[in-house]
């Protein structure tokens, strides 16, 4: 839960509220210190997030993110032998089903190619896969955050 600058409470998830994982890590550490200090305050009270102004959940990609997105689009086109240009893949269009029209086998192929190219593992049993593969933009954000090469 969070409270915006006008005092209104919200129950959006942290990603919907635009709160970074770094901020969440800091809040978790604060909450653990609060609990261990024996203050008696419940965790939800210690970790209330107050935002002075709305945080946008979508931001315009930087030049490097745009280049990475183009590289990933190229990998998708090449790996799946698609008859379109990487520039034809809309960043926010769904990859699976509607949009680009990929099926589960295509997504597995993309996961293998992306994992190999960027040096990290995309696990088939990850609960985040629906989000990660929801669009080219989401896949790009995930790769940018997890790549090792």
N, C-alpha and C. Protein backbone atom coordinates (compact mmCIF):
# COMPACT_ATOMS: atom_id res chain seq x y z
N UNK A 1 0.84 -1.17 0.00
CA UNK A 1 0.00 0.00 0.00
C UNK A 1 0.89 1.24 0.00
N UNK A 2 0.42 2.29 -0.61
CA UNK A 2 1.15 3.53 -0.61
C UNK A 2 0.17 4.68 -0.42
N UNK A 3 0.71 5.84 -0.12
CA UNK A 3 -0.13 7.03 0.01
C UNK A 3 0.49 8.10 -0.86
N UNK A 4 -0.32 8.75 -1.71
CA UNK A 4 0.23 9.79 -2.56
C UNK A 4 0.31 11.11 -1.80
N UNK A 5 0.82 12.15 -2.44
CA UNK A 5 1.03 13.43 -1.79
C UNK A 5 -0.23 14.07 -1.25
N UNK A 6 -1.40 13.71 -1.78
CA UNK A 6 -2.65 14.29 -1.29
C UNK A 6 -3.24 13.48 -0.15
N UNK A 7 -2.54 12.40 0.26
CA UNK A 7 -3.00 11.61 1.39
C UNK A 7 -3.90 10.45 1.00
N UNK A 8 -4.20 10.30 -0.27
CA UNK A 8 -5.03 9.18 -0.71
C UNK A 8 -4.25 7.89 -0.68
N UNK A 9 -4.85 6.87 -0.13
CA UNK A 9 -4.19 5.57 -0.06
C UNK A 9 -4.44 4.82 -1.36
N UNK A 10 -3.49 4.00 -1.74
CA UNK A 10 -3.62 3.19 -2.93
C UNK A 10 -3.18 1.77 -2.63
N UNK A 11 -3.69 0.84 -3.41
CA UNK A 11 -3.31 -0.56 -3.20
C UNK A 11 -2.71 -1.15 -4.46
N UNK A 12 -2.18 -0.30 -5.33
CA UNK A 12 -1.54 -0.82 -6.53
C UNK A 12 -0.32 -1.63 -6.15
N UNK A 13 0.06 -2.53 -7.06
CA UNK A 13 1.32 -3.23 -6.84
C UNK A 13 2.44 -2.21 -6.97
N UNK A 14 3.62 -2.57 -6.48
CA UNK A 14 4.72 -1.63 -6.54
C UNK A 14 5.08 -1.27 -7.97
N UNK A 15 4.95 -2.21 -8.92
CA UNK A 15 5.26 -1.87 -10.30
C UNK A 15 4.21 -0.94 -10.88
N UNK A 16 2.95 -1.12 -10.52
CA UNK A 16 1.90 -0.22 -10.99
C UNK A 16 2.11 1.17 -10.41
N UNK A 17 2.59 1.26 -9.21
CA UNK A 17 2.82 2.56 -8.57
C UNK A 17 4.11 3.20 -9.04
N UNK A 18 4.92 2.48 -9.81
CA UNK A 18 6.15 3.03 -10.34
C UNK A 18 7.28 3.05 -9.34
N UNK A 19 7.30 2.11 -8.43
CA UNK A 19 8.31 2.07 -7.38
C UNK A 19 9.40 1.09 -7.80
N UNK A 20 10.63 1.54 -7.76
CA UNK A 20 11.74 0.71 -8.24
C UNK A 20 12.06 -0.42 -7.27
N UNK A 21 12.71 -1.45 -7.80
CA UNK A 21 13.13 -2.56 -6.95
C UNK A 21 14.17 -2.11 -5.93
N UNK A 22 14.98 -1.10 -6.27
CA UNK A 22 15.95 -0.57 -5.32
C UNK A 22 15.22 0.03 -4.13
N UNK A 23 14.14 0.77 -4.40
CA UNK A 23 13.35 1.36 -3.31
C UNK A 23 12.73 0.27 -2.45
N UNK A 24 12.23 -0.78 -3.08
CA UNK A 24 11.61 -1.88 -2.34
C UNK A 24 12.66 -2.56 -1.46
N UNK A 25 13.87 -2.77 -1.99
CA UNK A 25 14.95 -3.39 -1.19
C UNK A 25 15.23 -2.53 0.04
N UNK A 26 15.32 -1.22 -0.15
CA UNK A 26 15.56 -0.33 0.97
C UNK A 26 14.45 -0.39 2.00
N UNK A 27 13.21 -0.46 1.52
CA UNK A 27 12.07 -0.53 2.44
C UNK A 27 12.07 -1.85 3.19
N UNK A 28 12.44 -2.93 2.50
CA UNK A 28 12.50 -4.24 3.15
C UNK A 28 13.56 -4.22 4.25
N UNK A 29 14.73 -3.64 3.95
CA UNK A 29 15.79 -3.55 4.96
C UNK A 29 15.32 -2.69 6.14
N UNK A 30 14.62 -1.58 5.84
CA UNK A 30 14.09 -0.72 6.90
C UNK A 30 13.12 -1.50 7.77
N UNK A 31 12.25 -2.26 7.11
CA UNK A 31 11.24 -3.03 7.83
C UNK A 31 11.90 -4.06 8.74
N UNK A 32 12.96 -4.72 8.24
CA UNK A 32 13.66 -5.72 9.05
C UNK A 32 14.31 -5.06 10.27
N UNK A 33 14.91 -3.88 10.08
CA UNK A 33 15.51 -3.15 11.20
C UNK A 33 14.43 -2.76 12.21
N UNK A 34 13.28 -2.34 11.69
CA UNK A 34 12.18 -1.92 12.55
C UNK A 34 11.70 -3.11 13.40
N UNK A 35 11.53 -4.27 12.75
CA UNK A 35 11.09 -5.46 13.47
C UNK A 35 12.13 -5.91 14.50
N UNK A 36 13.41 -5.89 14.12
CA UNK A 36 14.44 -6.39 15.02
C UNK A 36 14.69 -5.42 16.18
N UNK A 37 14.34 -4.16 16.00
CA UNK A 37 14.53 -3.19 17.08
C UNK A 37 13.43 -3.30 18.12
N UNK A 38 12.43 -4.12 17.82
CA UNK A 38 11.36 -4.35 18.78
C UNK A 38 10.44 -3.16 18.96
N UNK A 39 10.27 -2.38 17.88
CA UNK A 39 9.43 -1.18 18.01
C UNK A 39 7.96 -1.54 18.16
N UNK A 40 7.62 -2.75 17.77
CA UNK A 40 6.23 -3.18 17.91
C UNK A 40 5.33 -2.69 16.78
N UNK A 41 5.86 -1.90 15.86
CA UNK A 41 4.99 -1.42 14.78
C UNK A 41 4.86 -2.53 13.74
N UNK A 42 3.66 -2.71 13.21
CA UNK A 42 3.47 -3.76 12.21
C UNK A 42 4.21 -3.41 10.91
N UNK A 43 4.64 -4.43 10.15
CA UNK A 43 5.42 -4.19 8.94
C UNK A 43 4.77 -3.23 7.96
N UNK A 44 3.45 -3.33 7.78
CA UNK A 44 2.82 -2.46 6.80
C UNK A 44 2.91 -1.01 7.22
N UNK A 45 2.97 -0.74 8.52
CA UNK A 45 3.09 0.62 9.01
C UNK A 45 4.51 1.14 8.77
N UNK A 46 5.50 0.31 9.04
CA UNK A 46 6.89 0.72 8.88
C UNK A 46 7.24 0.97 7.42
N UNK A 47 6.57 0.28 6.54
CA UNK A 47 6.95 0.36 5.14
C UNK A 47 5.98 1.16 4.29
N UNK A 48 5.20 2.02 4.89
CA UNK A 48 4.31 2.85 4.10
C UNK A 48 5.15 3.73 3.19
N UNK A 49 4.74 3.84 1.96
CA UNK A 49 5.46 4.62 0.97
C UNK A 49 4.66 5.89 0.71
N UNK A 50 5.29 7.03 0.81
CA UNK A 50 4.61 8.29 0.56
C UNK A 50 5.26 8.93 -0.65
N UNK A 51 4.44 9.23 -1.66
CA UNK A 51 4.95 9.85 -2.87
C UNK A 51 4.39 11.26 -2.97
N UNK A 52 5.24 12.22 -3.24
CA UNK A 52 4.79 13.59 -3.32
C UNK A 52 4.10 13.89 -4.64
N UNK A 53 4.43 13.15 -5.67
CA UNK A 53 3.75 13.32 -6.95
C UNK A 53 3.71 11.98 -7.65
N UNK A 54 2.75 11.80 -8.57
CA UNK A 54 2.64 10.51 -9.26
C UNK A 54 3.92 10.18 -10.02
N UNK A 55 4.27 8.92 -10.01
CA UNK A 55 5.44 8.44 -10.73
C UNK A 55 4.95 7.73 -11.98
N UNK A 56 5.41 8.13 -13.16
CA UNK A 56 4.94 7.45 -14.37
C UNK A 56 5.42 6.01 -14.41
N UNK A 57 4.54 5.09 -14.84
CA UNK A 57 4.93 3.69 -14.93
C UNK A 57 5.61 3.40 -16.26
N UNK A 58 5.36 4.18 -17.25
CA UNK A 58 6.00 4.03 -18.54
C UNK A 58 6.90 5.22 -18.77
N UNK A 59 8.10 5.00 -19.25
CA UNK A 59 8.98 6.10 -19.56
C UNK A 59 9.53 5.88 -20.96
N UNK A 60 9.91 6.96 -21.58
CA UNK A 60 10.46 6.88 -22.92
C UNK A 60 11.83 6.20 -22.84
N UNK A 61 12.08 5.22 -23.71
CA UNK A 61 13.36 4.51 -23.64
C UNK A 61 14.53 5.43 -23.98
N UNK A 62 15.66 5.21 -23.30
CA UNK A 62 16.88 5.95 -23.62
C UNK A 62 17.44 5.42 -24.93
N UNK A 63 18.48 6.09 -25.43
CA UNK A 63 19.10 5.64 -26.67
C UNK A 63 19.64 4.22 -26.55
N UNK A 64 20.28 3.92 -25.42
CA UNK A 64 20.83 2.57 -25.24
C UNK A 64 19.73 1.53 -25.12
N UNK A 65 18.61 1.89 -24.45
CA UNK A 65 17.48 0.96 -24.36
C UNK A 65 16.86 0.74 -25.74
N UNK A 66 16.80 1.82 -26.52
CA UNK A 66 16.24 1.71 -27.87
C UNK A 66 17.12 0.81 -28.73
N UNK A 67 18.45 0.95 -28.59
CA UNK A 67 19.37 0.09 -29.34
C UNK A 67 19.23 -1.36 -28.90
N UNK A 68 19.12 -1.58 -27.59
CA UNK A 68 18.93 -2.93 -27.07
C UNK A 68 17.62 -3.52 -27.57
N UNK A 69 16.58 -2.72 -27.57
CA UNK A 69 15.28 -3.17 -28.07
C UNK A 69 15.37 -3.59 -29.53
N UNK A 70 16.10 -2.82 -30.33
CA UNK A 70 16.30 -3.17 -31.74
C UNK A 70 17.08 -4.46 -31.89
N UNK A 71 18.09 -4.64 -31.04
CA UNK A 71 18.89 -5.88 -31.07
C UNK A 71 18.02 -7.08 -30.72
N UNK A 72 17.19 -6.94 -29.70
CA UNK A 72 16.32 -8.05 -29.29
C UNK A 72 15.29 -8.33 -30.38
N UNK A 73 14.73 -7.29 -30.98
CA UNK A 73 13.78 -7.49 -32.08
C UNK A 73 14.45 -8.24 -33.23
N UNK A 74 15.70 -7.90 -33.51
CA UNK A 74 16.44 -8.60 -34.55
C UNK A 74 16.66 -10.06 -34.21
N UNK A 75 16.96 -10.34 -32.94
CA UNK A 75 17.13 -11.73 -32.51
C UNK A 75 15.83 -12.52 -32.69
N UNK A 76 14.71 -11.90 -32.35
CA UNK A 76 13.41 -12.57 -32.49
C UNK A 76 13.14 -12.89 -33.95
N UNK A 77 13.34 -11.90 -34.82
CA UNK A 77 13.08 -12.10 -36.26
C UNK A 77 13.97 -13.19 -36.82
N UNK A 78 15.25 -13.17 -36.48
CA UNK A 78 16.21 -14.15 -36.99
C UNK A 78 15.93 -15.55 -36.45
N UNK A 79 15.75 -15.65 -35.12
CA UNK A 79 15.55 -16.95 -34.49
C UNK A 79 14.30 -17.65 -34.99
N UNK A 80 13.26 -16.87 -35.27
CA UNK A 80 11.98 -17.47 -35.68
C UNK A 80 11.75 -17.40 -37.18
N UNK A 81 12.74 -16.89 -37.92
CA UNK A 81 12.62 -16.75 -39.38
C UNK A 81 11.32 -16.02 -39.77
N UNK A 82 11.05 -14.92 -39.08
CA UNK A 82 9.85 -14.15 -39.37
C UNK A 82 10.03 -13.35 -40.65
N UNK A 83 8.96 -13.20 -41.37
CA UNK A 83 9.00 -12.46 -42.63
C UNK A 83 8.61 -11.01 -42.39
N UNK A 84 9.35 -10.37 -41.52
CA UNK A 84 9.16 -8.95 -41.25
C UNK A 84 10.46 -8.36 -40.76
N UNK A 85 10.51 -7.06 -40.73
CA UNK A 85 11.70 -6.36 -40.26
C UNK A 85 11.62 -6.20 -38.74
N UNK A 86 12.77 -6.17 -38.06
CA UNK A 86 12.73 -5.92 -36.61
C UNK A 86 12.00 -4.62 -36.26
N UNK A 87 12.08 -3.62 -37.14
CA UNK A 87 11.40 -2.34 -36.91
C UNK A 87 9.88 -2.48 -36.96
N UNK A 88 9.38 -3.57 -37.54
CA UNK A 88 7.93 -3.80 -37.63
C UNK A 88 7.33 -4.29 -36.32
N UNK A 89 8.17 -4.72 -35.39
CA UNK A 89 7.67 -5.21 -34.10
C UNK A 89 7.41 -4.00 -33.21
N UNK A 90 6.14 -3.79 -32.88
CA UNK A 90 5.75 -2.68 -32.02
C UNK A 90 6.18 -2.97 -30.59
N UNK A 91 6.87 -2.03 -29.92
CA UNK A 91 7.40 -2.28 -28.59
C UNK A 91 6.37 -2.70 -27.55
N UNK A 92 5.17 -2.13 -27.61
CA UNK A 92 4.16 -2.44 -26.59
C UNK A 92 3.11 -3.45 -27.04
N UNK A 93 3.24 -3.96 -28.25
CA UNK A 93 2.29 -4.97 -28.74
C UNK A 93 2.61 -6.31 -28.09
N UNK A 94 1.59 -7.10 -27.81
CA UNK A 94 1.84 -8.43 -27.22
C UNK A 94 2.71 -9.30 -28.13
N UNK A 95 3.61 -10.04 -27.53
CA UNK A 95 4.41 -10.99 -28.30
C UNK A 95 3.65 -12.30 -28.48
N UNK A 96 2.97 -12.71 -27.42
CA UNK A 96 2.28 -13.99 -27.40
C UNK A 96 0.84 -13.81 -27.88
N UNK A 97 0.35 -14.73 -28.70
CA UNK A 97 -1.04 -14.66 -29.16
C UNK A 97 -1.25 -13.47 -30.07
N UNK A 98 -2.18 -12.59 -29.69
CA UNK A 98 -2.44 -11.38 -30.48
C UNK A 98 -1.15 -10.58 -30.60
N UNK A 99 -1.13 -9.62 -31.47
CA UNK A 99 0.08 -8.83 -31.67
C UNK A 99 1.01 -9.53 -32.63
N UNK A 100 2.17 -9.96 -32.14
CA UNK A 100 3.15 -10.62 -33.00
C UNK A 100 2.72 -12.05 -33.34
N UNK A 101 1.88 -12.66 -32.50
CA UNK A 101 1.31 -13.96 -32.80
C UNK A 101 2.19 -15.15 -32.46
N UNK A 102 3.13 -14.99 -31.53
CA UNK A 102 3.99 -16.09 -31.16
C UNK A 102 3.23 -17.11 -30.31
N UNK A 103 3.65 -18.37 -30.43
CA UNK A 103 3.07 -19.41 -29.57
C UNK A 103 4.11 -19.81 -28.52
N UNK A 104 3.77 -20.78 -27.70
CA UNK A 104 4.65 -21.15 -26.59
C UNK A 104 5.99 -21.70 -27.07
N UNK A 105 6.02 -22.39 -28.18
CA UNK A 105 7.28 -22.91 -28.73
C UNK A 105 8.15 -21.74 -29.20
N UNK A 106 7.52 -20.75 -29.83
CA UNK A 106 8.26 -19.55 -30.26
C UNK A 106 8.87 -18.83 -29.06
N UNK A 107 8.09 -18.70 -27.98
CA UNK A 107 8.58 -18.02 -26.78
C UNK A 107 9.78 -18.78 -26.19
N UNK A 108 9.72 -20.11 -26.19
CA UNK A 108 10.87 -20.91 -25.71
C UNK A 108 12.10 -20.66 -26.56
N UNK A 109 11.91 -20.58 -27.86
CA UNK A 109 13.03 -20.31 -28.78
C UNK A 109 13.62 -18.93 -28.52
N UNK A 110 12.77 -17.95 -28.32
CA UNK A 110 13.23 -16.59 -28.01
C UNK A 110 13.99 -16.59 -26.68
N UNK A 111 13.46 -17.29 -25.69
CA UNK A 111 14.13 -17.36 -24.38
C UNK A 111 15.53 -17.95 -24.51
N UNK A 112 15.68 -18.99 -25.30
CA UNK A 112 16.99 -19.61 -25.50
C UNK A 112 17.98 -18.66 -26.16
N UNK A 113 17.53 -17.99 -27.22
CA UNK A 113 18.40 -17.08 -27.95
C UNK A 113 18.80 -15.89 -27.09
N UNK A 114 17.84 -15.31 -26.38
CA UNK A 114 18.11 -14.17 -25.52
C UNK A 114 19.05 -14.57 -24.38
N UNK A 115 18.81 -15.73 -23.78
CA UNK A 115 19.67 -16.21 -22.70
C UNK A 115 21.10 -16.37 -23.17
N UNK A 116 21.27 -16.96 -24.33
CA UNK A 116 22.60 -17.19 -24.87
C UNK A 116 23.29 -15.86 -25.23
N UNK A 117 22.57 -14.97 -25.85
CA UNK A 117 23.14 -13.70 -26.31
C UNK A 117 23.55 -12.78 -25.15
N UNK A 118 22.75 -12.77 -24.09
CA UNK A 118 22.97 -11.78 -23.03
C UNK A 118 23.49 -12.39 -21.72
N UNK A 119 23.74 -13.70 -21.69
CA UNK A 119 24.44 -14.32 -20.59
C UNK A 119 23.67 -14.49 -19.30
N UNK A 120 22.40 -14.71 -19.37
CA UNK A 120 21.63 -15.02 -18.17
C UNK A 120 20.53 -15.99 -18.54
N UNK A 121 19.97 -16.63 -17.54
CA UNK A 121 18.99 -17.67 -17.78
C UNK A 121 17.56 -17.16 -17.63
N UNK A 122 16.75 -17.46 -18.61
CA UNK A 122 15.31 -17.24 -18.52
C UNK A 122 14.70 -18.60 -18.23
N UNK A 123 14.17 -18.77 -17.04
CA UNK A 123 13.68 -20.08 -16.61
C UNK A 123 12.23 -20.29 -17.03
N UNK A 124 11.93 -21.50 -17.49
CA UNK A 124 10.58 -21.82 -17.93
C UNK A 124 9.58 -21.79 -16.78
N UNK A 125 10.03 -22.03 -15.55
CA UNK A 125 9.12 -22.08 -14.41
C UNK A 125 9.01 -20.76 -13.66
N UNK A 126 9.55 -19.68 -14.22
CA UNK A 126 9.50 -18.38 -13.55
C UNK A 126 8.08 -17.80 -13.57
N UNK A 127 7.66 -17.32 -12.42
CA UNK A 127 6.34 -16.70 -12.32
C UNK A 127 6.28 -15.38 -13.08
N UNK A 128 7.44 -14.81 -13.41
CA UNK A 128 7.50 -13.52 -14.11
C UNK A 128 7.41 -13.64 -15.63
N UNK A 129 7.37 -14.84 -16.16
CA UNK A 129 7.40 -15.02 -17.61
C UNK A 129 6.25 -14.33 -18.33
N UNK A 130 5.08 -14.33 -17.75
CA UNK A 130 3.95 -13.68 -18.40
C UNK A 130 4.24 -12.20 -18.59
N UNK A 131 4.82 -11.57 -17.57
CA UNK A 131 5.19 -10.15 -17.67
C UNK A 131 6.37 -9.97 -18.61
N UNK A 132 7.41 -10.77 -18.44
CA UNK A 132 8.63 -10.62 -19.24
C UNK A 132 8.33 -10.70 -20.73
N UNK A 133 7.51 -11.67 -21.12
CA UNK A 133 7.23 -11.88 -22.54
C UNK A 133 5.93 -11.23 -23.01
N UNK A 134 5.43 -10.29 -22.22
CA UNK A 134 4.17 -9.63 -22.61
C UNK A 134 4.37 -8.70 -23.80
N UNK A 135 5.57 -8.15 -23.96
CA UNK A 135 5.84 -7.25 -25.09
C UNK A 135 7.35 -7.14 -25.29
N UNK A 136 7.73 -6.58 -26.41
CA UNK A 136 9.15 -6.34 -26.69
C UNK A 136 9.72 -5.37 -25.66
N UNK A 137 8.96 -4.36 -25.28
CA UNK A 137 9.42 -3.37 -24.30
C UNK A 137 9.70 -4.03 -22.95
N UNK A 138 8.80 -4.92 -22.50
CA UNK A 138 9.01 -5.62 -21.21
C UNK A 138 10.20 -6.56 -21.29
N UNK A 139 10.34 -7.27 -22.38
CA UNK A 139 11.49 -8.17 -22.55
C UNK A 139 12.78 -7.36 -22.53
N UNK A 140 12.79 -6.21 -23.18
CA UNK A 140 13.96 -5.34 -23.20
C UNK A 140 14.30 -4.85 -21.79
N UNK A 141 13.30 -4.45 -21.01
CA UNK A 141 13.54 -4.01 -19.63
C UNK A 141 14.16 -5.14 -18.80
N UNK A 142 13.65 -6.34 -19.00
CA UNK A 142 14.16 -7.49 -18.24
C UNK A 142 15.60 -7.80 -18.64
N UNK A 143 15.89 -7.78 -19.92
CA UNK A 143 17.25 -8.04 -20.39
C UNK A 143 18.20 -6.97 -19.86
N UNK A 144 17.80 -5.72 -19.94
CA UNK A 144 18.65 -4.62 -19.46
C UNK A 144 18.98 -4.77 -17.97
N UNK A 145 18.04 -5.25 -17.20
CA UNK A 145 18.23 -5.39 -15.76
C UNK A 145 19.04 -6.63 -15.38
N UNK A 146 19.09 -7.65 -16.27
CA UNK A 146 19.69 -8.93 -15.90
C UNK A 146 20.87 -9.38 -16.73
N UNK A 147 21.18 -8.68 -17.78
CA UNK A 147 22.25 -9.15 -18.69
C UNK A 147 23.60 -9.15 -18.00
N UNK A 148 24.43 -10.11 -18.43
CA UNK A 148 25.79 -10.18 -17.90
C UNK A 148 26.81 -9.92 -19.00
N UNK A 149 26.35 -9.89 -20.23
CA UNK A 149 27.27 -9.55 -21.33
C UNK A 149 26.56 -8.72 -22.37
